[in-house]
PDB file of N, CA and C in Angstrom:
ATOM      1  N   UNK A   1     233.421 226.204  88.691  1.00  0.00           N
ATOM      2  CA  UNK A   1     233.572 228.091  88.047  1.00  0.00           C
ATOM      3  C   UNK A   1     232.663 228.339  89.471  1.00  0.00           C
ATOM      4  N   UNK A   2     232.418 230.040  90.098  1.00  0.00           N
ATOM      5  CA  UNK A   2     231.217 230.077  89.647  1.00  0.00           C
ATOM      6  C   UNK A   2     230.982 231.181  88.809  1.00  0.00           C
ATOM      7  N   UNK A   3     230.099 231.088  88.196  1.00  0.00           N
ATOM      8  CA  UNK A   3     229.241 232.011  86.966  1.00  0.00           C
ATOM      9  C   UNK A   3     229.132 233.123  87.124  1.00  0.00           C
ATOM     10  N   UNK A   4     228.418 233.258  88.757  1.00  0.00           N
ATOM     11  CA  UNK A   4     227.915 234.971  89.329  1.00  0.00           C
ATOM     12  C   UNK A   4     228.919 235.556  90.103  1.00  0.00           C
ATOM     13  N   UNK A   5     229.859 236.238  90.224  1.00  0.00           N
ATOM     14  CA  UNK A   5     230.072 236.077  91.850  1.00  0.00           C
ATOM     15  C   UNK A   5     228.919 237.681  92.377  1.00  0.00           C
ATOM     16  N   UNK A   6     228.897 238.200  93.383  1.00  0.00           N
ATOM     17  CA  UNK A   6     228.145 238.511  94.402  1.00  0.00           C
ATOM     18  C   UNK A   6     227.904 240.080  93.009  1.00  0.00           C
ATOM     19  N   UNK A   7     229.357 240.947  92.903  1.00  0.00           N
ATOM     20  CA  UNK A   7     229.122 241.646  92.257  1.00  0.00           C
ATOM     21  C   UNK A   7     228.564 242.106  90.431  1.00  0.00           C
ATOM     22  N   UNK A   8     229.251 240.977  90.275  1.00  0.00           N
ATOM     23  CA  UNK A   8     228.521 240.921  88.838  1.00  0.00           C
ATOM     24  C   UNK A   8     226.971 240.411  89.083  1.00  0.00           C
ATOM     25  N   UNK A   9     225.685 239.906  90.220  1.00  0.00           N
ATOM     26  CA  UNK A   9     225.050 239.559  90.413  1.00  0.00           C
ATOM     27  C   UNK A   9     224.019 240.761  90.083  1.00  0.00           C
ATOM     28  N   UNK A  10     224.978 242.113  90.664  1.00  0.00           N
ATOM     29  CA  UNK A  10     223.699 242.702  90.873  1.00  0.00           C
ATOM     30  C   UNK A  10     223.904 244.070  90.206  1.00  0.00           C
ATOM     31  N   UNK A  11     225.283 244.138  89.255  1.00  0.00           N
ATOM     32  CA  UNK A  11     224.675 244.601  88.424  1.00  0.00           C
ATOM     33  C   UNK A  11     223.658 244.135  87.628  1.00  0.00           C
ATOM     34  N   UNK A  12     223.500 242.843  86.730  1.00  0.00           N
ATOM     35  CA  UNK A  12     222.839 242.102  86.215  1.00  0.00           C
ATOM     36  C   UNK A  12     221.273 242.144  87.090  1.00  0.00           C
ATOM     37  N   UNK A  13     221.128 242.616  88.391  1.00  0.00           N
ATOM     38  CA  UNK A  13     219.664 242.604  88.595  1.00  0.00           C
ATOM     39  C   UNK A  13     219.856 244.109  88.340  1.00  0.00           C
ATOM     40  N   UNK A  14     220.502 245.176  88.376  1.00  0.00           N
ATOM     41  CA  UNK A  14     220.785 246.737  88.555  1.00  0.00           C
ATOM     42  C   UNK A  14     220.319 246.474  87.360  1.00  0.00           C
ATOM     43  N   UNK A  15     220.442 245.896  86.130  1.00  0.00           N
ATOM     44  CA  UNK A  15     220.580 246.316  84.669  1.00  0.00           C
ATOM     45  C   UNK A  15     218.733 245.790  84.113  1.00  0.00           C
ATOM     46  N   UNK A  16     218.292 244.853  84.460  1.00  0.00           N
ATOM     47  CA  UNK A  16     217.249 244.182  85.138  1.00  0.00           C
ATOM     48  C   UNK A  16     216.443 244.790  85.182  1.00  0.00           C
ATOM     49  N   UNK A  17     216.737 245.726  86.286  1.00  0.00           N
ATOM     50  CA  UNK A  17     215.065 246.777  87.267  1.00  0.00           C
ATOM     51  C   UNK A  17     215.011 247.755  85.608  1.00  0.00           C
ATOM     52  N   UNK A  18     215.658 247.723  84.695  1.00  0.00           N
ATOM     53  CA  UNK A  18     215.751 248.569  83.626  1.00  0.00           C
ATOM     54  C   UNK A  18     215.646 248.074  82.160  1.00  0.00           C
ATOM     55  N   UNK A  19     214.507 247.441  82.246  1.00  0.00           N
ATOM     56  CA  UNK A  19     214.268 246.100  80.942  1.00  0.00           C
ATOM     57  C   UNK A  19     214.419 246.736  79.615  1.00  0.00           C
ATOM     58  N   UNK A  20     214.199 248.217  79.302  1.00  0.00           N
ATOM     59  CA  UNK A  20     214.282 249.515  77.520  1.00  0.00           C
ATOM     60  C   UNK A  20     215.535 249.642  77.905  1.00  0.00           C
ATOM     61  N   UNK A  21     216.725 249.451  78.462  1.00  0.00           N
ATOM     62  CA  UNK A  21     217.888 249.456  78.195  1.00  0.00           C
ATOM     63  C   UNK A  21     218.931 248.903  77.196  1.00  0.00           C
ATOM     64  N   UNK A  22     218.846 249.752  76.490  1.00  0.00           N
ATOM     65  CA  UNK A  22     220.113 248.988  75.144  1.00  0.00           C
ATOM     66  C   UNK A  22     221.467 248.832  76.011  1.00  0.00           C
ATOM     67  N   UNK A  23     221.975 247.519  77.529  1.00  0.00           N
ATOM     68  CA  UNK A  23     222.822 247.503  78.147  1.00  0.00           C
ATOM     69  C   UNK A  23     223.692 246.667  77.441  1.00  0.00           C
ATOM     70  N   UNK A  24     225.077 247.285  77.526  1.00  0.00           N
ATOM     71  CA  UNK A  24     226.581 246.787  77.690  1.00  0.00           C
ATOM     72  C   UNK A  24     226.701 245.379  78.393  1.00  0.00           C
ATOM     73  N   UNK A  25     227.223 243.879  77.704  1.00  0.00           N
ATOM     74  CA  UNK A  25     226.378 242.367  78.066  1.00  0.00           C
ATOM     75  C   UNK A  25     228.100 243.357  79.629  1.00  0.00           C
ATOM     76  N   UNK A  26     227.140 241.995  81.085  1.00  0.00           N
ATOM     77  CA  UNK A  26     228.199 242.842  82.177  1.00  0.00           C
ATOM     78  C   UNK A  26     229.284 241.541  81.715  1.00  0.00           C
ATOM     79  N   UNK A  27     229.120 239.993  81.351  1.00  0.00           N
ATOM     80  CA  UNK A  27     229.370 238.308  81.077  1.00  0.00           C
ATOM     81  C   UNK A  27     229.237 238.227  80.918  1.00  0.00           C
ATOM     82  N   UNK A  28     230.152 236.892  79.356  1.00  0.00           N
ATOM     83  CA  UNK A  28     230.518 236.723  79.164  1.00  0.00           C
ATOM     84  C   UNK A  28     230.076 234.853  79.019  1.00  0.00           C
ATOM     85  N   UNK A  29     229.544 233.551  79.126  1.00  0.00           N
ATOM     86  CA  UNK A  29     229.970 233.250  79.856  1.00  0.00           C
ATOM     87  C   UNK A  29     230.137 231.834  78.115  1.00  0.00           C
ATOM     88  N   UNK A  30     230.997 230.768  78.426  1.00  0.00           N
ATOM     89  CA  UNK A  30     231.401 229.419  77.430  1.00  0.00           C
ATOM     90  C   UNK A  30     231.503 228.096  77.311  1.00  0.00           C
ATOM     91  N   UNK A  31     231.529 227.916  76.080  1.00  0.00           N
ATOM     92  CA  UNK A  31     231.735 225.919  76.903  1.00  0.00           C
ATOM     93  C   UNK A  31     232.879 225.507  76.378  1.00  0.00           C
ATOM     94  N   UNK A  32     233.860 225.355  76.992  1.00  0.00           N
ATOM     95  CA  UNK A  32     235.276 225.351  76.566  1.00  0.00           C
ATOM     96  C   UNK A  32     235.332 224.014  76.034  1.00  0.00           C
ATOM     97  N   UNK A  33     234.843 224.142  75.345  1.00  0.00           N
ATOM     98  CA  UNK A  33     234.963 222.076  74.260  1.00  0.00           C
ATOM     99  C   UNK A  33     234.038 222.319  73.730  1.00  0.00           C
ATOM    100  N   UNK A  34     233.401 223.674  72.739  1.00  0.00           N
ATOM    101  CA  UNK A  34     232.676 223.803  71.680  1.00  0.00           C
ATOM    102  C   UNK A  34     231.505 224.408  71.196  1.00  0.00           C
ATOM    103  N   UNK A  35     230.926 224.499  71.087  1.00  0.00           N
ATOM    104  CA  UNK A  35     230.103 225.033  70.991  1.00  0.00           C
ATOM    105  C   UNK A  35     229.700 226.454  72.231  1.00  0.00           C
ATOM    106  N   UNK A  36     229.243 227.178  71.569  1.00  0.00           N
ATOM    107  CA  UNK A  36     228.141 227.913  72.863  1.00  0.00           C
ATOM    108  C   UNK A  36     228.848 229.301  73.708  1.00  0.00           C
ATOM    109  N   UNK A  37     228.098 229.296  73.451  1.00  0.00           N
ATOM    110  CA  UNK A  37     228.671 231.352  73.823  1.00  0.00           C
ATOM    111  C   UNK A  37     227.428 232.256  74.224  1.00  0.00           C
ATOM    112  N   UNK A  38     227.042 232.870  75.528  1.00  0.00           N
ATOM    113  CA  UNK A  38     226.202 233.832  76.175  1.00  0.00           C
ATOM    114  C   UNK A  38     226.344 235.208  76.880  1.00  0.00           C
ATOM    115  N   UNK A  39     225.987 236.141  76.145  1.00  0.00           N
ATOM    116  CA  UNK A  39     226.166 237.432  76.477  1.00  0.00           C
ATOM    117  C   UNK A  39     225.380 237.790  77.877  1.00  0.00           C
ATOM    118  N   UNK A  40     225.607 238.039  79.123  1.00  0.00           N
ATOM    119  CA  UNK A  40     224.279 238.189  79.828  1.00  0.00           C
ATOM    120  C   UNK A  40     224.791 239.853  80.027  1.00  0.00           C
ATOM    121  N   UNK A  41     223.182 240.696  79.350  1.00  0.00           N
ATOM    122  CA  UNK A  41     223.420 242.233  80.342  1.00  0.00           C
ATOM    123  C   UNK A  41     221.961 241.726  81.142  1.00  0.00           C
ATOM    124  N   UNK A  42     220.811 241.710  81.438  1.00  0.00           N
ATOM    125  CA  UNK A  42     220.339 241.714  83.262  1.00  0.00           C
ATOM    126  C   UNK A  42     219.928 240.278  83.119  1.00  0.00           C
ATOM    127  N   UNK A  43     219.866 240.024  84.599  1.00  0.00           N
ATOM    128  CA  UNK A  43     219.582 239.725  85.680  1.00  0.00           C
ATOM    129  C   UNK A  43     217.499 239.743  86.753  1.00  0.00           C
ATOM    130  N   UNK A  44     216.130 239.296  85.627  1.00  0.00           N
ATOM    131  CA  UNK A  44     215.433 239.033  86.304  1.00  0.00           C
ATOM    132  C   UNK A  44     215.634 238.569  88.421  1.00  0.00           C
ATOM    133  N   UNK A  45     214.560 238.951  88.463  1.00  0.00           N
ATOM    134  CA  UNK A  45     213.986 239.215  90.535  1.00  0.00           C
ATOM    135  C   UNK A  45     214.408 237.293  90.822  1.00  0.00           C
ATOM    136  N   UNK A  46     213.805 236.610  89.810  1.00  0.00           N
ATOM    137  CA  UNK A  46     213.419 235.408  90.391  1.00  0.00           C
ATOM    138  C   UNK A  46     215.550 234.613  90.640  1.00  0.00           C
ATOM    139  N   UNK A  47     216.288 235.674  90.188  1.00  0.00           N
ATOM    140  CA  UNK A  47     217.978 234.918  90.212  1.00  0.00           C
ATOM    141  C   UNK A  47     218.592 233.868  89.040  1.00  0.00           C
ATOM    142  N   UNK A  48     217.065 233.603  88.482  1.00  0.00           N
ATOM    143  CA  UNK A  48     218.351 232.397  88.149  1.00  0.00           C
ATOM    144  C   UNK A  48     217.632 232.801  85.962  1.00  0.00           C
ATOM    145  N   UNK A  49     216.765 233.705  85.613  1.00  0.00           N
ATOM    146  CA  UNK A  49     216.639 234.132  84.155  1.00  0.00           C
ATOM    147  C   UNK A  49     217.400 235.408  83.515  1.00  0.00           C
ATOM    148  N   UNK A  50     218.683 235.085  82.926  1.00  0.00           N
ATOM    149  CA  UNK A  50     218.950 236.466  81.899  1.00  0.00           C
ATOM    150  C   UNK A  50     218.110 236.289  81.516  1.00  0.00           C
ATOM    151  N   UNK A  51     219.207 237.719  80.300  1.00  0.00           N
ATOM    152  CA  UNK A  51     218.636 238.475  79.633  1.00  0.00           C
ATOM    153  C   UNK A  51     219.289 239.245  78.843  1.00  0.00           C
ATOM    154  N   UNK A  52     220.227 238.276  77.272  1.00  0.00           N
ATOM    155  CA  UNK A  52     221.358 239.133  76.257  1.00  0.00           C
ATOM    156  C   UNK A  52     221.316 237.742  75.257  1.00  0.00           C
ATOM    157  N   UNK A  53     221.774 237.925  74.607  1.00  0.00           N
ATOM    158  CA  UNK A  53     222.431 237.402  73.098  1.00  0.00           C
ATOM    159  C   UNK A  53     223.467 236.003  73.860  1.00  0.00           C
ATOM    160  N   UNK A  54     222.802 234.750  72.998  1.00  0.00           N
ATOM    161  CA  UNK A  54     223.444 233.217  73.140  1.00  0.00           C
ATOM    162  C   UNK A  54     223.365 233.158  71.533  1.00  0.00           C
ATOM    163  N   UNK A  55     224.365 231.981  71.598  1.00  0.00           N
ATOM    164  CA  UNK A  55     225.072 231.390  69.941  1.00  0.00           C
ATOM    165  C   UNK A  55     225.292 229.936  70.880  1.00  0.00           C
ATOM    166  N   UNK A  56     224.644 229.207  70.217  1.00  0.00           N
ATOM    167  CA  UNK A  56     224.623 227.477  70.231  1.00  0.00           C
ATOM    168  C   UNK A  56     224.746 227.377  68.721  1.00  0.00           C
ATOM    169  N   UNK A  57     225.027 228.203  67.805  1.00  0.00           N
ATOM    170  CA  UNK A  57     225.093 227.798  66.618  1.00  0.00           C
ATOM    171  C   UNK A  57     224.436 229.066  65.572  1.00  0.00           C
ATOM    172  N   UNK A  58     223.266 229.605  65.995  1.00  0.00           N
ATOM    173  CA  UNK A  58     223.286 230.999  65.826  1.00  0.00           C
ATOM    174  C   UNK A  58     222.626 231.845  66.810  1.00  0.00           C
ATOM    175  N   UNK A  59     223.416 232.911  66.286  1.00  0.00           N
ATOM    176  CA  UNK A  59     223.482 234.458  67.853  1.00  0.00           C
ATOM    177  C   UNK A  59     221.905 234.234  67.791  1.00  0.00           C
ATOM    178  N   UNK A  60     221.591 234.298  69.008  1.00  0.00           N
ATOM    179  CA  UNK A  60     220.055 234.701  69.582  1.00  0.00           C
ATOM    180  C   UNK A  60     219.250 235.833  70.897  1.00  0.00           C
ATOM    181  N   UNK A  61     218.344 236.794  70.142  1.00  0.00           N
ATOM    182  CA  UNK A  61     218.348 237.255  71.365  1.00  0.00           C
ATOM    183  C   UNK A  61     217.180 237.119  72.652  1.00  0.00           C
ATOM    184  N   UNK A  62     217.008 236.551  73.589  1.00  0.00           N
ATOM    185  CA  UNK A  62     216.700 236.135  74.263  1.00  0.00           C
ATOM    186  C   UNK A  62     217.105 236.064  76.126  1.00  0.00           C
ATOM    187  N   UNK A  63     215.563 235.250  76.445  1.00  0.00           N
ATOM    188  CA  UNK A  63     216.820 234.231  77.824  1.00  0.00           C
ATOM    189  C   UNK A  63     217.177 233.223  77.638  1.00  0.00           C
ATOM    190  N   UNK A  64     217.567 233.422  79.227  1.00  0.00           N
ATOM    191  CA  UNK A  64     217.779 231.740  79.111  1.00  0.00           C
ATOM    192  C   UNK A  64     218.470 231.542  80.579  1.00  0.00           C
ATOM    193  N   UNK A  65     217.948 230.441  80.795  1.00  0.00           N
ATOM    194  CA  UNK A  65     218.775 229.668  83.203  1.00  0.00           C
ATOM    195  C   UNK A  65     219.894 230.401  83.200  1.00  0.00           C
ATOM    196  N   UNK A  66     220.460 229.999  84.067  1.00  0.00           N
ATOM    197  CA  UNK A  66     221.000 230.313  85.053  1.00  0.00           C
ATOM    198  C   UNK A  66     221.719 229.266  85.521  1.00  0.00           C
ATOM    199  N   UNK A  67     220.909 228.261  85.710  1.00  0.00           N
ATOM    200  CA  UNK A  67     220.729 227.233  86.903  1.00  0.00           C
ATOM    201  C   UNK A  67     220.984 226.018  85.430  1.00  0.00           C
ATOM    202  N   UNK A  68     219.918 226.433  84.195  1.00  0.00           N
ATOM    203  CA  UNK A  68     220.846 225.366  83.097  1.00  0.00           C
ATOM    204  C   UNK A  68     222.232 225.316  83.264  1.00  0.00           C
ATOM    205  N   UNK A  69     223.095 226.435  82.837  1.00  0.00           N
ATOM    206  CA  UNK A  69     224.108 226.975  82.356  1.00  0.00           C
ATOM    207  C   UNK A  69     225.068 226.542  83.633  1.00  0.00           C
ATOM    208  N   UNK A  70     225.292 226.288  84.520  1.00  0.00           N
ATOM    209  CA  UNK A  70     225.023 225.664  86.325  1.00  0.00           C
ATOM    210  C   UNK A  70     225.928 224.191  85.921  1.00  0.00           C
ATOM    211  N   UNK A  71     224.437 223.726  84.967  1.00  0.00           N
ATOM    212  CA  UNK A  71     224.448 222.538  85.702  1.00  0.00           C
ATOM    213  C   UNK A  71     225.002 220.990  84.540  1.00  0.00           C
ATOM    214  N   UNK A  72     224.967 222.027  83.060  1.00  0.00           N
ATOM    215  CA  UNK A  72     226.335 221.597  83.249  1.00  0.00           C
ATOM    216  C   UNK A  72     227.072 220.888  82.697  1.00  0.00           C
ATOM    217  N   UNK A  73     226.892 219.588  82.643  1.00  0.00           N
ATOM    218  CA  UNK A  73     228.590 218.774  83.228  1.00  0.00           C
ATOM    219  C   UNK A  73     228.953 218.027  81.652  1.00  0.00           C
ATOM    220  N   UNK A  74     230.184 218.779  81.074  1.00  0.00           N
ATOM    221  CA  UNK A  74     231.151 218.048  79.503  1.00  0.00           C
ATOM    222  C   UNK A  74     232.196 217.405  80.382  1.00  0.00           C
ATOM    223  N   UNK A  75     233.100 217.079  79.015  1.00  0.00           N
ATOM    224  CA  UNK A  75     233.890 215.625  79.746  1.00  0.00           C
ATOM    225  C   UNK A  75     234.947 215.916  80.409  1.00  0.00           C
ATOM    226  N   UNK A  76     235.438 215.643  81.350  1.00  0.00           N
ATOM    227  CA  UNK A  76     237.002 215.653  81.381  1.00  0.00           C
ATOM    228  C   UNK A  76     236.373 216.306  82.886  1.00  0.00           C
ATOM    229  N   UNK A  77     235.435 216.495  82.844  1.00  0.00           N
ATOM    230  CA  UNK A  77     234.543 217.353  84.220  1.00  0.00           C
ATOM    231  C   UNK A  77     234.656 218.453  84.744  1.00  0.00           C
ATOM    232  N   UNK A  78     234.433 219.340  83.438  1.00  0.00           N
ATOM    233  CA  UNK A  78     234.507 220.214  82.680  1.00  0.00           C
ATOM    234  C   UNK A  78     233.176 221.068  82.513  1.00  0.00           C
ATOM    235  N   UNK A  79     233.008 222.661  83.268  1.00  0.00           N
ATOM    236  CA  UNK A  79     231.702 222.694  82.868  1.00  0.00           C
ATOM    237  C   UNK A  79     231.185 224.218  81.834  1.00  0.00           C
ATOM    238  N   UNK A  80     230.427 225.229  82.312  1.00  0.00           N
ATOM    239  CA  UNK A  80     230.080 226.598  81.727  1.00  0.00           C
ATOM    240  C   UNK A  80     231.016 227.018  81.896  1.00  0.00           C
ATOM    241  N   UNK A  81     232.323 227.829  81.102  1.00  0.00           N
ATOM    242  CA  UNK A  81     233.127 229.318  82.494  1.00  0.00           C
ATOM    243  C   UNK A  81     232.528 230.348  82.283  1.00  0.00           C
ATOM    244  N   UNK A  82     232.935 231.161  82.921  1.00  0.00           N
ATOM    245  CA  UNK A  82     232.826 232.756  82.481  1.00  0.00           C
ATOM    246  C   UNK A  82     234.017 233.160  82.031  1.00  0.00           C
ATOM    247  N   UNK A  83     234.550 233.768  81.097  1.00  0.00           N
ATOM    248  CA  UNK A  83     234.867 234.464  81.026  1.00  0.00           C
ATOM    249  C   UNK A  83     235.933 235.815  81.806  1.00  0.00           C
ATOM    250  N   UNK A  84     237.062 235.698  82.448  1.00  0.00           N
ATOM    251  CA  UNK A  84     237.235 236.493  83.163  1.00  0.00           C
ATOM    252  C   UNK A  84     238.029 237.866  82.520  1.00  0.00           C
ATOM    253  N   UNK A  85     238.297 237.925  81.245  1.00  0.00           N
ATOM    254  CA  UNK A  85     238.918 239.157  80.686  1.00  0.00           C
ATOM    255  C   UNK A  85     238.012 239.640  79.375  1.00  0.00           C
ATOM    256  N   UNK A  86     236.828 239.051  80.394  1.00  0.00           N
ATOM    257  CA  UNK A  86     235.613 240.207  79.594  1.00  0.00           C
ATOM    258  C   UNK A  86     235.795 241.471  79.710  1.00  0.00           C
ATOM    259  N   UNK A  87     235.603 242.494  77.971  1.00  0.00           N
ATOM    260  CA  UNK A  87     234.977 243.481  78.732  1.00  0.00           C
ATOM    261  C   UNK A  87     233.165 243.560  77.030  1.00  0.00           C
ATOM    262  N   UNK A  88     232.370 244.040  77.887  1.00  0.00           N
ATOM    263  CA  UNK A  88     231.195 244.308  77.146  1.00  0.00           C
ATOM    264  C   UNK A  88     231.518 245.292  75.682  1.00  0.00           C
ATOM    265  N   UNK A  89     232.370 245.950  76.337  1.00  0.00           N
ATOM    266  CA  UNK A  89     232.236 247.791  75.540  1.00  0.00           C
ATOM    267  C   UNK A  89     231.003 248.156  74.907  1.00  0.00           C
ATOM    268  N   UNK A  90     231.014 247.030  74.098  1.00  0.00           N
ATOM    269  CA  UNK A  90     228.971 248.164  73.268  1.00  0.00           C
ATOM    270  C   UNK A  90     228.044 247.608  73.973  1.00  0.00           C
ATOM    271  N   UNK A  91     226.769 248.185  73.596  1.00  0.00           N
ATOM    272  CA  UNK A  91     225.576 247.888  74.431  1.00  0.00           C
ATOM    273  C   UNK A  91     225.396 246.455  73.220  1.00  0.00           C
ATOM    274  N   UNK A  92     224.480 246.273  73.762  1.00  0.00           N
ATOM    275  CA  UNK A  92     223.806 244.668  73.591  1.00  0.00           C
ATOM    276  C   UNK A  92     223.515 244.804  72.181  1.00  0.00           C
ATOM    277  N   UNK A  93     222.668 245.531  71.269  1.00  0.00           N
ATOM    278  CA  UNK A  93     222.777 245.518  70.018  1.00  0.00           C
ATOM    279  C   UNK A  93     223.804 245.388  69.009  1.00  0.00           C
ATOM    280  N   UNK A  94     225.164 246.235  69.874  1.00  0.00           N
ATOM    281  CA  UNK A  94     225.735 245.836  68.767  1.00  0.00           C
ATOM    282  C   UNK A  94     226.120 244.860  68.727  1.00  0.00           C
ATOM    283  N   UNK A  95     226.256 244.094  69.330  1.00  0.00           N
ATOM    284  CA  UNK A  95     226.537 242.858  69.887  1.00  0.00           C
ATOM    285  C   UNK A  95     225.909 242.788  68.238  1.00  0.00           C
ATOM    286  N   UNK A  96     224.876 242.102  68.595  1.00  0.00           N
ATOM    287  CA  UNK A  96     223.300 241.865  68.119  1.00  0.00           C
ATOM    288  C   UNK A  96     223.719 241.961  66.878  1.00  0.00           C
ATOM    289  N   UNK A  97     223.890 243.040  66.099  1.00  0.00           N
ATOM    290  CA  UNK A  97     223.640 242.872  64.707  1.00  0.00           C
ATOM    291  C   UNK A  97     225.534 243.253  64.038  1.00  0.00           C
ATOM    292  N   UNK A  98     226.955 243.025  64.833  1.00  0.00           N
ATOM    293  CA  UNK A  98     227.759 242.452  65.151  1.00  0.00           C
ATOM    294  C   UNK A  98     227.762 240.807  65.261  1.00  0.00           C
ATOM    295  N   UNK A  99     227.147 240.213  65.430  1.00  0.00           N
ATOM    296  CA  UNK A  99     227.018 238.550  65.091  1.00  0.00           C
ATOM    297  C   UNK A  99     226.015 238.282  64.389  1.00  0.00           C
ATOM    298  N   UNK A 100     224.801 238.523  63.856  1.00  0.00           N
ATOM    299  CA  UNK A 100     224.362 238.375  63.029  1.00  0.00           C
ATOM    300  C   UNK A 100     225.342 238.275  61.529  1.00  0.00           C
ATOM    301  N   UNK A 101     226.094 239.411  61.787  1.00  0.00           N
ATOM    302  CA  UNK A 101     226.575 239.516  60.132  1.00  0.00           C
ATOM    303  C   UNK A 101     228.003 238.736  59.952  1.00  0.00           C
ATOM    304  N   UNK A 102     228.426 238.299  61.339  1.00  0.00           N
ATOM    305  CA  UNK A 102     229.432 237.953  60.968  1.00  0.00           C
ATOM    306  C   UNK A 102     229.765 236.170  61.491  1.00  0.00           C
ATOM    307  N   UNK A 103     227.638 235.884  61.721  1.00  0.00           N
ATOM    308  CA  UNK A 103     227.630 234.863  62.063  1.00  0.00           C
ATOM    309  C   UNK A 103     228.021 233.991  63.950  1.00  0.00           C
ATOM    310  N   UNK A 104     228.568 234.714  64.459  1.00  0.00           N
ATOM    311  CA  UNK A 104     228.809 234.400  65.809  1.00  0.00           C
ATOM    312  C   UNK A 104     228.949 235.357  66.785  1.00  0.00           C
ATOM    313  N   UNK A 105     229.137 235.020  68.272  1.00  0.00           N
ATOM    314  CA  UNK A 105     229.146 235.979  69.008  1.00  0.00           C
ATOM    315  C   UNK A 105     230.437 236.301  69.191  1.00  0.00           C
ATOM    316  N   UNK A 106     231.868 234.752  68.854  1.00  0.00           N
ATOM    317  CA  UNK A 106     232.823 234.693  68.648  1.00  0.00           C
ATOM    318  C   UNK A 106     233.736 235.634  67.823  1.00  0.00           C
ATOM    319  N   UNK A 107     232.647 234.992  66.576  1.00  0.00           N
ATOM    320  CA  UNK A 107     234.094 236.150  65.396  1.00  0.00           C
ATOM    321  C   UNK A 107     233.269 237.642  65.816  1.00  0.00           C
ATOM    322  N   UNK A 108     232.291 237.769  66.413  1.00  0.00           N
ATOM    323  CA  UNK A 108     231.704 239.429  66.357  1.00  0.00           C
ATOM    324  C   UNK A 108     232.835 240.323  66.928  1.00  0.00           C
ATOM    325  N   UNK A 109     233.166 238.664  68.409  1.00  0.00           N
ATOM    326  CA  UNK A 109     234.198 239.945  69.755  1.00  0.00           C
ATOM    327  C   UNK A 109     235.261 240.346  69.139  1.00  0.00           C
ATOM    328  N   UNK A 110     236.262 239.919  67.876  1.00  0.00           N
ATOM    329  CA  UNK A 110     237.202 239.687  67.134  1.00  0.00           C
ATOM    330  C   UNK A 110     236.988 240.987  66.385  1.00  0.00           C
ATOM    331  N   UNK A 111     235.654 240.889  65.408  1.00  0.00           N
ATOM    332  CA  UNK A 111     235.940 242.346  64.586  1.00  0.00           C
ATOM    333  C   UNK A 111     235.769 243.328  65.875  1.00  0.00           C
ATOM    334  N   UNK A 112     234.813 243.471  66.727  1.00  0.00           N
ATOM    335  CA  UNK A 112     234.613 244.355  68.316  1.00  0.00           C
ATOM    336  C   UNK A 112     235.533 245.225  68.076  1.00  0.00           C
ATOM    337  N   UNK A 113     236.625 243.759  69.156  1.00  0.00           N
ATOM    338  CA  UNK A 113     238.318 244.154  69.628  1.00  0.00           C
ATOM    339  C   UNK A 113     239.106 245.015  69.214  1.00  0.00           C
ATOM    340  N   UNK A 114     238.848 244.348  67.699  1.00  0.00           N
ATOM    341  CA  UNK A 114     239.659 245.015  66.278  1.00  0.00           C
ATOM    342  C   UNK A 114     239.844 246.016  66.608  1.00  0.00           C
ATOM    343  N   UNK A 115     238.144 246.393  65.669  1.00  0.00           N
ATOM    344  CA  UNK A 115     237.260 247.721  66.343  1.00  0.00           C
ATOM    345  C   UNK A 115     237.931 248.935  67.335  1.00  0.00           C
ATOM    346  N   UNK A 116     237.978 248.060  68.619  1.00  0.00           N
ATOM    347  CA  UNK A 116     238.557 249.469  69.696  1.00  0.00           C
ATOM    348  C   UNK A 116     239.753 249.836  69.874  1.00  0.00           C
ATOM    349  N   UNK A 117     240.764 248.466  69.538  1.00  0.00           N
ATOM    350  CA  UNK A 117     241.802 248.893  69.828  1.00  0.00           C
ATOM    351  C   UNK A 117     242.413 249.505  68.484  1.00  0.00           C
ATOM    352  N   UNK A 118     241.860 250.044  67.018  1.00  0.00           N
ATOM    353  CA  UNK A 118     242.474 250.716  66.235  1.00  0.00           C
ATOM    354  C   UNK A 118     242.008 252.112  66.054  1.00  0.00           C
ATOM    355  N   UNK A 119     240.915 251.696  67.222  1.00  0.00           N
ATOM    356  CA  UNK A 119     240.137 253.776  67.371  1.00  0.00           C
ATOM    357  C   UNK A 119     241.134 254.378  68.711  1.00  0.00           C
ATOM    358  N   UNK A 120     241.542 253.312  69.762  1.00  0.00           N
ATOM    359  CA  UNK A 120     242.662 253.497  70.564  1.00  0.00           C
ATOM    360  C   UNK A 120     243.881 253.669  70.332  1.00  0.00           C
ATOM    361  N   UNK A 121     243.980 253.546  69.432  1.00  0.00           N
ATOM    362  CA  UNK A 121     245.522 253.919  68.639  1.00  0.00           C
ATOM    363  C   UNK A 121     245.291 255.380  68.180  1.00  0.00           C
ATOM    364  N   UNK A 122     244.181 255.038  67.317  1.00  0.00           N
ATOM    365  CA  UNK A 122     244.031 256.569  66.420  1.00  0.00           C
ATOM    366  C   UNK A 122     244.396 257.541  67.418  1.00  0.00           C
ATOM    367  N   UNK A 123     242.861 257.592  68.415  1.00  0.00           N
ATOM    368  CA  UNK A 123     243.167 258.356  69.551  1.00  0.00           C
ATOM    369  C   UNK A 123     243.891 259.246  70.235  1.00  0.00           C
ATOM    370  N   UNK A 124     244.997 257.713  70.232  1.00  0.00           N
ATOM    371  CA  UNK A 124     246.322 257.894  70.997  1.00  0.00           C
ATOM    372  C   UNK A 124     247.808 258.215  70.385  1.00  0.00           C
ATOM    373  N   UNK A 125     247.128 258.042  68.741  1.00  0.00           N
ATOM    374  CA  UNK A 125     248.061 259.167  67.766  1.00  0.00           C
ATOM    375  C   UNK A 125     247.290 260.548  67.094  1.00  0.00           C
ATOM    376  N   UNK A 126     246.606 260.175  67.941  1.00  0.00           N
ATOM    377  CA  UNK A 126     246.278 262.430  67.567  1.00  0.00           C
ATOM    378  C   UNK A 126     245.870 263.071  69.159  1.00  0.00           C
ATOM    379  N   UNK A 127     246.224 262.721  69.952  1.00  0.00           N
ATOM    380  CA  UNK A 127     246.947 263.222  71.489  1.00  0.00           C
ATOM    381  C   UNK A 127     248.206 263.005  71.605  1.00  0.00           C
ATOM    382  N   UNK A 128     249.281 263.005  70.299  1.00  0.00           N
ATOM    383  CA  UNK A 128     250.902 262.664  71.100  1.00  0.00           C
ATOM    384  C   UNK A 128     250.623 264.110  70.011  1.00  0.00           C
ATOM    385  N   UNK A 129     251.985 264.207  70.574  1.00  0.00           N
ATOM    386  CA  UNK A 129     252.669 266.485  69.863  1.00  0.00           C
ATOM    387  C   UNK A 129     253.353 265.624  69.177  1.00  0.00           C
TER     388      UNK A 129
END
């Protein structure tokens, strides 16, 4: 799987040019066979160094390498994958707080998506006659 499409790469690079902004994650990578989830908000001009939230057992904000993720070889010929359905929805600071409170990015994702669905439902009810 191609981890970064040209469009995703451009969005990440654009965010990288504004490093002091609380960006919404652009892309989610994951290990389909076990631990390992990464949410990337920015890409450095070097084309390799991503910034965001990584969870290899404990959520941590920082930098990680696209080349290293691409090089990972898992059983059954698999590798790190990109979540094609991922929606960042909220700034990385919200993801960090939710992941720290719940213990993981995956648990935080469930909490944040549930809250977003509830909000949409409440808005829908409020706008119905």
